[in-house]
């Protein structure tokens, strides 16, 4: 008995040592709630598993997590580590609780490579089975290499520290991997260090429901004190509750803005299309489409502020690719069954209007500011096409074209014209947009849609 107690004390001392893996979990969990799972489990070589698994509470809500331990064989993935992580996924599936994975490993163990590679395949299956069921967030705090990068990317959101790196195939000529991950859309945010990365992940978690059957979180809130104006950041902060907005994927698809926030205390996903004056690109379409699908998976209402002249087409190849990009964006909105509200704050031309604010499939309710311009093509192009004969005889062609474009807007492309036709539900002043959104979300809260039976839609990718 004495030998047993001595061995137990020695194990407790060993697992009680401070390591980066355990320290990161203390950043995640409420004080005193971090509870380790399978702490004593060892690999057949008498080393610990290389991962710390746990459950605890984040702002009072249960969360499962795993954190790779770089101090044990560089955090190498082995069959024992995989079993511990699979248990976390299994518990999350049974209880409908979010999962946070913290990655810091140089890849698979080469002692038994068959076991390691098989383990990754099983973990990818678990992560993808849970996708859309419970929120999953990956925090890349160190190296995330090979198949682990695919596993991390399977989560809903990836947050990195600035010195972290994530890759499938190493390339020593490529530097600033975290920064490049943000620019490619692989990571939704890059933070100064691992602690700030975990804090950012926590802030995202607090905006998400526990699972796909839970309602969105409700919080006490203060009304916004930001005045509505035409840039994306200011518009969203004017509509959202005070200090509730978290911008995501800021470095990817720079013409668009995606963010989680709250309106009237309830979580909302925000999309805006005029972060810059540029047209939407392939990156913007991918960014918005993925964000809308995440919101839809967890029944988070989507509010889209539309002000764009359409999609960027600079050459013949991009012209063809733009068709797929636009279709992908339209598919994401049309497939989503969550509450979808659109506010046309400026220009909404052609396919962009249909994809982002089109009545019926892509928006449940569409509002417009009085100065909004909605048209199948740009008004200047419409003037050229419709009134070509008038332009031919004009003394000042540019001035005449502008005059005809203004006439076209007033007669065929104004908010009033579209409201009269029923394509716009209401015309609202800038100062009334927040109240209009709050009322619309409340009245749409009971939205129910039944789709045709199918395995899944075939989104253009």
Protein backbone atom coordinates (compact mmCIF):
# COMPACT_ATOMS: atom_id res chain seq x y z
CA UNK A 1 0.00 0.00 0.00
CA UNK A 2 2.89 2.30 0.84
CA UNK A 3 4.43 1.65 -2.62
CA UNK A 4 1.09 2.39 -4.25
CA UNK A 5 0.72 5.70 -2.41
CA UNK A 6 4.28 6.67 -3.24
CA UNK A 7 3.73 5.92 -6.90
CA UNK A 8 0.45 7.86 -6.88
CA UNK A 9 2.11 10.83 -5.22
CA UNK A 10 4.91 10.73 -7.78
CA UNK A 11 2.41 10.68 -10.64
CA UNK A 12 0.43 13.55 -9.16
CA UNK A 13 3.62 15.55 -8.81
CA UNK A 14 4.60 14.83 -12.40
CA UNK A 15 1.26 15.70 -13.95
CA UNK A 16 0.97 18.75 -11.69
CA UNK A 17 4.01 20.37 -13.26
CA UNK A 18 3.37 23.61 -15.09
CA UNK A 19 3.61 23.17 -18.86
CA UNK A 20 2.52 25.40 -21.76
CA UNK A 21 -0.29 22.93 -22.50
CA UNK A 22 -1.82 23.19 -19.02
CA UNK A 23 -1.14 26.91 -18.77
CA UNK A 24 -3.14 27.53 -21.95
CA UNK A 25 -6.10 25.65 -20.53
CA UNK A 26 -6.03 27.88 -17.45
CA UNK A 27 -6.34 30.83 -19.83
CA UNK A 28 -9.46 29.21 -21.30
CA UNK A 29 -11.40 28.08 -18.25
CA UNK A 30 -13.05 30.01 -15.45
CA UNK A 31 -10.90 29.99 -12.32
CA UNK A 32 -11.14 26.71 -10.46
CA UNK A 33 -13.16 24.89 -13.15
CA UNK A 34 -10.31 23.27 -15.14
CA UNK A 35 -10.70 19.51 -14.65
CA UNK A 36 -8.24 17.22 -16.41
CA UNK A 37 -9.39 13.95 -18.02
CA UNK A 38 -7.22 10.81 -18.15
CA UNK A 39 -4.29 12.63 -16.60
CA UNK A 40 -2.40 9.42 -15.75
CA UNK A 41 -2.58 7.82 -19.19
CA UNK A 42 0.81 6.93 -20.64
CA UNK A 43 2.13 5.60 -23.94
CA UNK A 44 3.71 2.15 -24.09
CA UNK A 45 7.17 3.77 -23.91
CA UNK A 46 6.23 5.05 -20.41
CA UNK A 47 5.94 8.64 -21.65
CA UNK A 48 2.78 10.62 -21.13
CA UNK A 49 0.45 11.00 -24.09
CA UNK A 50 1.58 14.43 -25.27
CA UNK A 51 -1.85 16.01 -24.84
CA UNK A 52 -3.83 17.38 -21.91
CA UNK A 53 -7.59 16.82 -22.17
CA UNK A 54 -10.09 18.54 -19.95
CA UNK A 55 -13.50 19.95 -19.27
CA UNK A 56 -14.50 23.09 -17.44
CA UNK A 57 -16.52 26.27 -17.75
CA UNK A 58 -16.10 29.38 -19.87
CA UNK A 59 -18.16 32.22 -18.44
CA UNK A 60 -20.27 29.57 -16.73
CA UNK A 61 -20.83 27.45 -19.86
CA UNK A 62 -19.37 23.92 -20.18
CA UNK A 63 -16.58 23.43 -22.72
CA UNK A 64 -14.37 20.44 -23.57
CA UNK A 65 -10.79 21.03 -24.68
CA UNK A 66 -7.50 19.40 -25.56
CA UNK A 67 -4.08 21.02 -25.51
CA UNK A 68 -1.06 19.39 -27.09
CA UNK A 69 1.98 19.16 -24.83
CA UNK A 70 5.15 20.16 -26.66
CA UNK A 71 7.28 19.01 -23.70
CA UNK A 72 6.47 15.34 -24.39
CA UNK A 73 8.25 14.22 -27.56
CA UNK A 74 7.46 17.54 -29.23
CA UNK A 75 3.75 16.85 -28.84
CA UNK A 76 3.96 14.07 -31.44
CA UNK A 77 0.63 12.47 -32.28
CA UNK A 78 0.52 8.83 -31.22
CA UNK A 79 -2.32 6.36 -30.78
CA UNK A 80 -2.70 7.17 -27.06
CA UNK A 81 -2.91 10.91 -27.70
CA UNK A 82 -5.48 10.25 -30.41
CA UNK A 83 -7.60 8.12 -28.06
CA UNK A 84 -7.65 10.93 -25.50
CA UNK A 85 -8.73 13.48 -28.10
CA UNK A 86 -11.37 11.08 -29.50
CA UNK A 87 -12.79 10.81 -26.00
CA UNK A 88 -13.18 14.60 -25.90
CA UNK A 89 -15.06 14.53 -29.21
CA UNK A 90 -17.21 11.64 -28.00
CA UNK A 91 -18.15 13.43 -24.77
CA UNK A 92 -18.91 16.61 -26.71
CA UNK A 93 -21.19 14.67 -29.06
CA UNK A 94 -23.05 13.04 -26.17
CA UNK A 95 -23.55 16.26 -24.24
CA UNK A 96 -23.82 18.91 -26.98
CA UNK A 97 -20.88 20.94 -25.67
CA UNK A 98 -18.32 23.00 -27.69
CA UNK A 99 -14.75 21.82 -28.25
CA UNK A 100 -11.58 23.92 -28.20
CA UNK A 101 -8.40 22.35 -29.58
CA UNK A 102 -5.04 23.95 -28.79
CA UNK A 103 -2.34 22.83 -31.20
CA UNK A 104 1.40 22.69 -30.52
CA UNK A 105 3.05 19.67 -32.14
CA UNK A 106 5.59 18.87 -34.83
CA UNK A 107 3.32 16.20 -36.28
CA UNK A 108 2.83 12.45 -36.19
CA UNK A 109 4.96 10.10 -34.12
CA UNK A 110 7.40 8.17 -36.31
CA UNK A 111 7.77 5.34 -33.78
CA UNK A 112 4.60 3.70 -35.07
CA UNK A 113 3.68 5.71 -38.20
CA UNK A 114 0.81 3.44 -39.23
CA UNK A 115 -0.93 4.04 -35.90
CA UNK A 116 -0.31 7.78 -36.09
CA UNK A 117 -1.68 8.21 -39.60
CA UNK A 118 -4.70 6.02 -38.86
CA UNK A 119 -5.32 8.09 -35.73
CA UNK A 120 -5.39 11.31 -37.74
CA UNK A 121 -7.95 9.82 -40.11
CA UNK A 122 -10.21 8.88 -37.21
CA UNK A 123 -9.86 12.32 -35.61
CA UNK A 124 -10.74 13.99 -38.91
CA UNK A 125 -13.87 11.83 -39.06
CA UNK A 126 -14.84 12.84 -35.52
CA UNK A 127 -14.22 16.55 -36.15
CA UNK A 128 -16.24 16.52 -39.34
CA UNK A 129 -19.08 14.50 -37.80
CA UNK A 130 -19.33 17.15 -35.09
CA UNK A 131 -19.16 20.00 -37.61
CA UNK A 132 -22.40 21.97 -37.43
CA UNK A 133 -23.45 20.09 -34.28
CA UNK A 134 -21.29 21.82 -31.66
CA UNK A 135 -19.00 24.83 -32.14
CA UNK A 136 -15.34 23.93 -32.65
CA UNK A 137 -12.49 26.42 -32.32
CA UNK A 138 -8.82 25.72 -33.01
CA UNK A 139 -6.09 27.73 -31.33
CA UNK A 140 -2.70 27.30 -33.01
CA UNK A 141 -0.25 28.24 -30.27
CA UNK A 142 2.91 26.73 -31.74
CA UNK A 143 3.60 24.42 -34.66
CA UNK A 144 0.68 22.69 -36.34
CA UNK A 145 2.14 20.45 -39.02
CA UNK A 146 0.99 17.88 -41.54
CA UNK A 147 -2.35 16.18 -40.93
CA UNK A 148 -2.76 18.19 -37.72
CA UNK A 149 -3.17 21.28 -39.89
CA UNK A 150 -6.10 19.64 -41.65
CA UNK A 151 -7.61 18.71 -38.30
CA UNK A 152 -7.24 22.25 -36.97
CA UNK A 153 -8.75 23.65 -40.16
CA UNK A 154 -11.80 21.41 -39.75
CA UNK A 155 -12.97 23.65 -36.89
CA UNK A 156 -15.40 26.52 -37.37
CA UNK A 157 -12.76 29.10 -36.47
CA UNK A 158 -8.95 29.05 -36.33
CA UNK A 159 -7.09 31.56 -34.15
CA UNK A 160 -3.28 31.78 -34.19
CA UNK A 161 -0.58 33.45 -32.16
CA UNK A 162 1.77 35.52 -34.31
CA UNK A 163 4.75 33.19 -33.81
CA UNK A 164 2.75 30.05 -34.54
CA UNK A 165 2.91 28.16 -37.83
CA UNK A 166 0.47 25.91 -39.63
CA UNK A 167 1.37 23.93 -42.73
CA UNK A 168 0.89 20.57 -44.42
CA UNK A 169 4.27 20.54 -46.20
CA UNK A 170 7.18 22.51 -44.69
CA UNK A 171 8.93 25.16 -46.79
CA UNK A 172 11.80 26.98 -45.12
CA UNK A 173 11.65 29.77 -47.69
CA UNK A 174 8.24 30.89 -46.50
CA UNK A 175 8.22 33.22 -43.50
CA UNK A 176 5.46 34.85 -41.43
CA UNK A 177 3.24 31.77 -41.59
CA UNK A 178 0.64 33.16 -39.17
CA UNK A 179 0.36 36.39 -41.13
CA UNK A 180 0.01 34.43 -44.37
CA UNK A 181 -2.64 32.21 -42.77
CA UNK A 182 -4.69 35.32 -42.02
CA UNK A 183 -4.27 36.64 -45.56
CA UNK A 184 -5.34 33.31 -47.07
CA UNK A 185 -8.38 33.02 -44.83
CA UNK A 186 -6.99 29.95 -43.05
CA UNK A 187 -7.00 31.82 -39.73
CA UNK A 188 -9.77 34.20 -38.70
CA UNK A 189 -7.42 36.13 -36.40
CA UNK A 190 -3.75 36.38 -35.44
CA UNK A 191 -2.97 37.49 -31.89
CA UNK A 192 0.17 38.72 -30.15
CA UNK A 193 0.74 35.56 -28.11
CA UNK A 194 -0.87 32.29 -27.02
CA UNK A 195 -2.72 33.87 -24.11
CA UNK A 196 -4.34 36.50 -26.34
CA UNK A 197 -5.18 33.81 -28.90
CA UNK A 198 -7.03 31.79 -26.26
CA UNK A 199 -8.79 34.95 -25.06
CA UNK A 200 -9.91 35.68 -28.63
CA UNK A 201 -11.24 32.13 -28.93
CA UNK A 202 -13.14 32.62 -25.65
CA UNK A 203 -14.76 35.79 -27.00
CA UNK A 204 -15.96 33.88 -30.05
CA UNK A 205 -17.29 31.07 -27.86
CA UNK A 206 -19.33 33.53 -25.81
CA UNK A 207 -21.18 34.57 -28.98
CA UNK A 208 -22.06 31.01 -29.99
CA UNK A 209 -24.79 28.67 -28.74
CA UNK A 210 -23.76 25.43 -27.02
CA UNK A 211 -24.90 23.36 -29.99
CA UNK A 212 -27.13 23.39 -33.06
CA UNK A 213 -30.28 22.80 -30.97
CA UNK A 214 -29.60 25.51 -28.38
CA UNK A 215 -30.82 29.11 -28.70
CA UNK A 216 -28.26 31.86 -29.27
CA UNK A 217 -26.86 33.37 -26.07
CA UNK A 218 -28.67 36.29 -24.48
CA UNK A 219 -26.81 38.97 -22.53
CA UNK A 220 -27.43 42.25 -20.80
CA UNK A 221 -26.61 45.02 -23.24
CA UNK A 222 -26.25 48.73 -23.77
CA UNK A 223 -27.52 50.37 -26.93
CA UNK A 224 -24.91 51.54 -29.39
CA UNK A 225 -23.64 55.09 -29.08
CA UNK A 226 -22.10 55.02 -32.58
CA UNK A 227 -23.68 57.18 -35.27
CA UNK A 228 -24.59 55.32 -38.47
CA UNK A 229 -22.33 56.19 -41.39
CA UNK A 230 -21.30 54.55 -44.65
CA UNK A 231 -18.11 52.66 -43.77
CA UNK A 232 -18.58 49.01 -42.84
CA UNK A 233 -17.08 49.07 -39.36
CA UNK A 234 -19.07 52.10 -38.26
CA UNK A 235 -22.33 50.86 -39.77
CA UNK A 236 -22.12 47.52 -37.98
CA UNK A 237 -21.14 49.08 -34.66
CA UNK A 238 -24.07 51.49 -35.00
CA UNK A 239 -26.50 48.59 -35.46
CA UNK A 240 -24.95 46.24 -32.89
CA UNK A 241 -25.04 46.52 -29.11
CA UNK A 242 -22.31 48.61 -27.56
CA UNK A 243 -18.83 46.98 -27.64
CA UNK A 244 -20.23 43.64 -28.83
CA UNK A 245 -18.61 43.36 -32.29
CA UNK A 246 -15.80 40.89 -33.04
CA UNK A 247 -14.50 41.23 -36.59
CA UNK A 248 -13.38 37.94 -38.17
CA UNK A 249 -11.06 37.27 -41.13
CA UNK A 250 -10.13 40.94 -41.41
CA UNK A 251 -7.07 40.23 -43.58
CA UNK A 252 -8.90 37.99 -46.06
CA UNK A 253 -11.37 39.30 -48.62
CA UNK A 254 -10.63 42.90 -47.77
CA UNK A 255 -13.59 44.42 -49.59
CA UNK A 256 -15.98 42.71 -47.17
CA UNK A 257 -16.51 42.71 -43.41
CA UNK A 258 -17.72 39.77 -41.33
CA UNK A 259 -18.29 39.89 -37.59
CA UNK A 260 -20.13 38.35 -34.68
CA UNK A 261 -21.95 40.74 -32.40
CA UNK A 262 -25.24 41.12 -30.60
CA UNK A 263 -28.41 43.09 -31.23
CA UNK A 264 -30.82 43.51 -28.33
CA UNK A 265 -28.63 41.14 -26.32
CA UNK A 266 -28.82 38.24 -28.81
CA UNK A 267 -26.02 37.05 -31.09
CA UNK A 268 -26.11 38.14 -34.74
CA UNK A 269 -23.75 37.53 -37.65
CA UNK A 270 -22.94 40.69 -39.59
CA UNK A 271 -21.83 40.99 -43.21
CA UNK A 272 -20.99 44.26 -44.95
CA UNK A 273 -19.73 44.63 -48.51
CA UNK A 274 -18.12 48.06 -48.46
CA UNK A 275 -15.13 47.72 -46.17
CA UNK A 276 -13.27 49.25 -49.12
CA UNK A 277 -14.52 50.87 -52.32
CA UNK A 278 -13.42 47.81 -54.30
CA UNK A 279 -15.76 45.28 -55.84
CA UNK A 280 -16.12 41.82 -54.31
CA UNK A 281 -13.42 39.30 -55.21
CA UNK A 282 -13.17 35.52 -55.08
CA UNK A 283 -11.75 35.84 -51.56
CA UNK A 284 -14.71 37.98 -50.46
CA UNK A 285 -17.18 35.44 -51.84
CA UNK A 286 -15.47 32.57 -50.02
CA UNK A 287 -15.19 34.56 -46.80
CA UNK A 288 -18.85 35.59 -46.75
CA UNK A 289 -20.15 32.18 -47.89
CA UNK A 290 -18.30 30.30 -45.14
CA UNK A 291 -19.36 32.82 -42.50
CA UNK A 292 -23.03 32.56 -43.53
CA UNK A 293 -22.85 28.77 -43.40
CA UNK A 294 -21.38 28.83 -39.88
CA UNK A 295 -24.13 31.19 -38.73
CA UNK A 296 -26.77 29.02 -40.36
CA UNK A 297 -25.42 25.85 -38.72
CA UNK A 298 -26.12 27.37 -35.30
CA UNK A 299 -29.28 29.33 -36.21
CA UNK A 300 -27.56 32.70 -35.78
CA UNK A 301 -29.44 35.45 -37.66
CA UNK A 302 -27.46 37.05 -40.50
CA UNK A 303 -27.69 40.80 -41.11
CA UNK A 304 -26.18 41.88 -44.44
CA UNK A 305 -25.43 45.53 -45.15
CA UNK A 306 -25.21 45.83 -48.93
CA UNK A 307 -23.26 48.51 -50.76
CA UNK A 308 -21.37 47.14 -53.73
CA UNK A 309 -21.25 47.55 -57.47
CA UNK A 310 -20.78 43.83 -57.89
CA UNK A 311 -17.92 41.45 -58.52
CA UNK A 312 -14.37 42.15 -59.65
CA UNK A 313 -13.49 40.87 -63.12
CA UNK A 314 -10.07 41.90 -64.42
CA UNK A 315 -9.29 39.28 -67.10
CA UNK A 316 -10.81 36.43 -69.10
CA UNK A 317 -9.92 33.70 -66.60
CA UNK A 318 -11.27 35.71 -63.69
CA UNK A 319 -14.43 36.43 -65.69
CA UNK A 320 -15.17 32.72 -65.81
CA UNK A 321 -14.11 32.17 -62.21
CA UNK A 322 -16.38 34.99 -61.10
CA UNK A 323 -19.40 32.97 -62.23
CA UNK A 324 -18.46 30.20 -59.79
CA UNK A 325 -17.65 32.67 -57.01
CA UNK A 326 -20.97 34.47 -57.37
CA UNK A 327 -22.82 31.16 -57.48
CA UNK A 328 -21.05 29.98 -54.33
CA UNK A 329 -22.08 33.13 -52.50
CA UNK A 330 -25.68 32.93 -53.73
CA UNK A 331 -25.84 29.22 -52.82
CA UNK A 332 -24.71 29.88 -49.23
CA UNK A 333 -27.43 32.49 -48.71
CA UNK A 334 -30.15 30.52 -50.49
CA UNK A 335 -29.36 27.31 -48.59
CA UNK A 336 -29.34 29.03 -45.20
CA UNK A 337 -32.57 28.63 -43.23
CA UNK A 338 -31.64 30.98 -40.39
CA UNK A 339 -33.14 34.49 -40.24
CA UNK A 340 -31.67 36.59 -43.08
CA UNK A 341 -32.07 40.35 -43.12
CA UNK A 342 -30.60 42.72 -45.70
CA UNK A 343 -30.18 46.49 -45.60
CA UNK A 344 -29.21 48.18 -48.86
CA UNK A 345 -27.16 51.15 -47.72
CA UNK A 346 -25.79 52.27 -51.08
CA UNK A 347 -25.41 50.50 -54.41
CA UNK A 348 -26.75 47.01 -55.13
CA UNK A 349 -26.17 46.10 -58.74
CA UNK A 350 -27.05 42.98 -60.68
CA UNK A 351 -25.97 39.57 -59.34
CA UNK A 352 -24.69 41.15 -56.11
CA UNK A 353 -28.19 42.38 -55.27
CA UNK A 354 -29.68 38.97 -56.03
CA UNK A 355 -27.06 37.03 -54.04
CA UNK A 356 -27.04 39.27 -50.96
CA UNK A 357 -30.46 40.89 -50.76
CA UNK A 358 -32.77 39.19 -53.23
CA UNK A 359 -36.25 38.69 -51.80
CA UNK A 360 -37.46 35.19 -51.04
CA UNK A 361 -34.50 32.83 -51.19
CA UNK A 362 -31.66 35.08 -50.08
CA UNK A 363 -33.31 37.55 -47.70
CA UNK A 364 -36.43 37.19 -45.56
CA UNK A 365 -36.78 40.95 -45.25
CA UNK A 366 -34.99 43.62 -47.27
CA UNK A 367 -34.70 47.24 -46.15
CA UNK A 368 -33.15 50.16 -48.00
CA UNK A 369 -31.90 53.60 -47.11
CA UNK A 370 -33.61 56.42 -49.05
CA UNK A 371 -30.49 56.99 -51.19
CA UNK A 372 -30.04 53.31 -52.12
CA UNK A 373 -29.62 52.50 -55.81
CA UNK A 374 -30.74 49.06 -57.02
CA UNK A 375 -30.21 48.11 -60.63
CA UNK A 376 -29.47 45.16 -62.94
CA UNK A 377 -26.43 47.10 -64.22
CA UNK A 378 -24.59 50.26 -63.21
CA UNK A 379 -26.70 53.38 -63.96
CA UNK A 380 -24.02 54.86 -66.23
CA UNK A 381 -23.99 51.68 -68.27
CA UNK A 382 -27.78 51.67 -68.31
CA UNK A 383 -27.82 55.24 -69.62
CA UNK A 384 -25.42 54.26 -72.39
CA UNK A 385 -27.50 51.26 -73.32
CA UNK A 386 -31.02 52.72 -73.05
CA UNK A 387 -30.35 56.24 -74.31
CA UNK A 388 -27.59 55.70 -76.85
CA UNK A 389 -29.25 57.87 -79.49
CA UNK A 390 -29.53 60.84 -77.11
CA UNK A 391 -25.85 60.58 -76.26
CA UNK A 392 -24.73 60.59 -79.90
CA UNK A 393 -25.86 64.14 -80.46
CA UNK A 394 -24.82 65.57 -77.09
CA UNK A 395 -22.38 68.48 -76.98
CA UNK A 396 -20.85 67.20 -73.73
CA UNK A 397 -21.19 63.42 -73.75
CA UNK A 398 -19.99 62.86 -70.17
CA UNK A 399 -22.33 65.47 -68.72
CA UNK A 400 -25.25 64.10 -70.73
CA UNK A 401 -24.43 60.52 -69.65
CA UNK A 402 -24.46 61.58 -65.99
CA UNK A 403 -27.76 63.40 -66.50
CA UNK A 404 -29.33 60.34 -68.12
CA UNK A 405 -27.95 58.10 -65.36
CA UNK A 406 -29.63 60.31 -62.73
CA UNK A 407 -32.89 60.07 -64.65
CA UNK A 408 -32.54 56.30 -64.82
CA UNK A 409 -31.96 56.11 -61.04
CA UNK A 410 -34.99 58.25 -60.25
CA UNK A 411 -37.30 56.46 -62.67
CA UNK A 412 -36.13 52.83 -62.47
CA UNK A 413 -33.46 52.21 -59.82
CA UNK A 414 -34.40 54.11 -56.67
CA UNK A 415 -35.41 52.62 -53.32
CA UNK A 416 -38.91 53.97 -53.87
CA UNK A 417 -39.28 52.15 -57.19
CA UNK A 418 -38.24 48.84 -55.62
CA UNK A 419 -40.41 49.40 -52.56
CA UNK A 420 -43.41 50.05 -54.81
CA UNK A 421 -42.74 46.75 -56.60
CA UNK A 422 -42.39 44.82 -53.33
CA UNK A 423 -38.70 43.99 -53.87
CA UNK A 424 -37.87 46.16 -50.83
CA UNK A 425 -39.97 45.75 -47.69
CA UNK A 426 -39.35 49.17 -46.19
CA UNK A 427 -37.34 52.35 -46.65
CA UNK A 428 -35.65 53.33 -43.40
CA UNK A 429 -33.56 56.31 -42.43
CA UNK A 430 -30.00 55.65 -41.24
CA UNK A 431 -30.87 56.46 -37.65
CA UNK A 432 -33.70 53.90 -37.64
CA UNK A 433 -31.76 50.90 -38.98
CA UNK A 434 -30.94 49.47 -35.54
CA UNK A 435 -34.59 49.53 -34.41
CA UNK A 436 -35.70 48.04 -37.72
CA UNK A 437 -33.24 45.16 -37.31
CA UNK A 438 -34.25 44.54 -33.67
CA UNK A 439 -37.94 44.43 -34.57
CA UNK A 440 -37.32 42.20 -37.59
CA UNK A 441 -35.25 39.69 -35.61
CA UNK A 442 -37.93 39.51 -32.92
CA UNK A 443 -40.77 38.97 -35.38
CA UNK A 444 -38.76 36.40 -37.36
CA UNK A 445 -37.69 34.42 -34.27
CA UNK A 446 -40.17 31.63 -34.99
CA UNK A 447 -39.00 31.09 -38.58
CA UNK A 448 -39.34 27.47 -39.71
CA UNK A 449 -38.38 26.07 -43.11
CA UNK A 450 -38.54 22.50 -44.41
CA UNK A 451 -36.25 21.71 -47.35
CA UNK A 452 -36.67 18.89 -49.86
CA UNK A 453 -35.18 15.64 -48.52
CA UNK A 454 -31.56 15.26 -49.64
CA UNK A 455 -28.13 14.35 -48.36
CA UNK A 456 -26.73 17.85 -48.93
CA UNK A 457 -26.63 20.60 -51.54
CA UNK A 458 -23.83 20.76 -54.11
CA UNK A 459 -22.22 24.15 -53.51
CA UNK A 460 -19.91 25.42 -56.29
CA UNK A 461 -16.39 25.23 -54.80
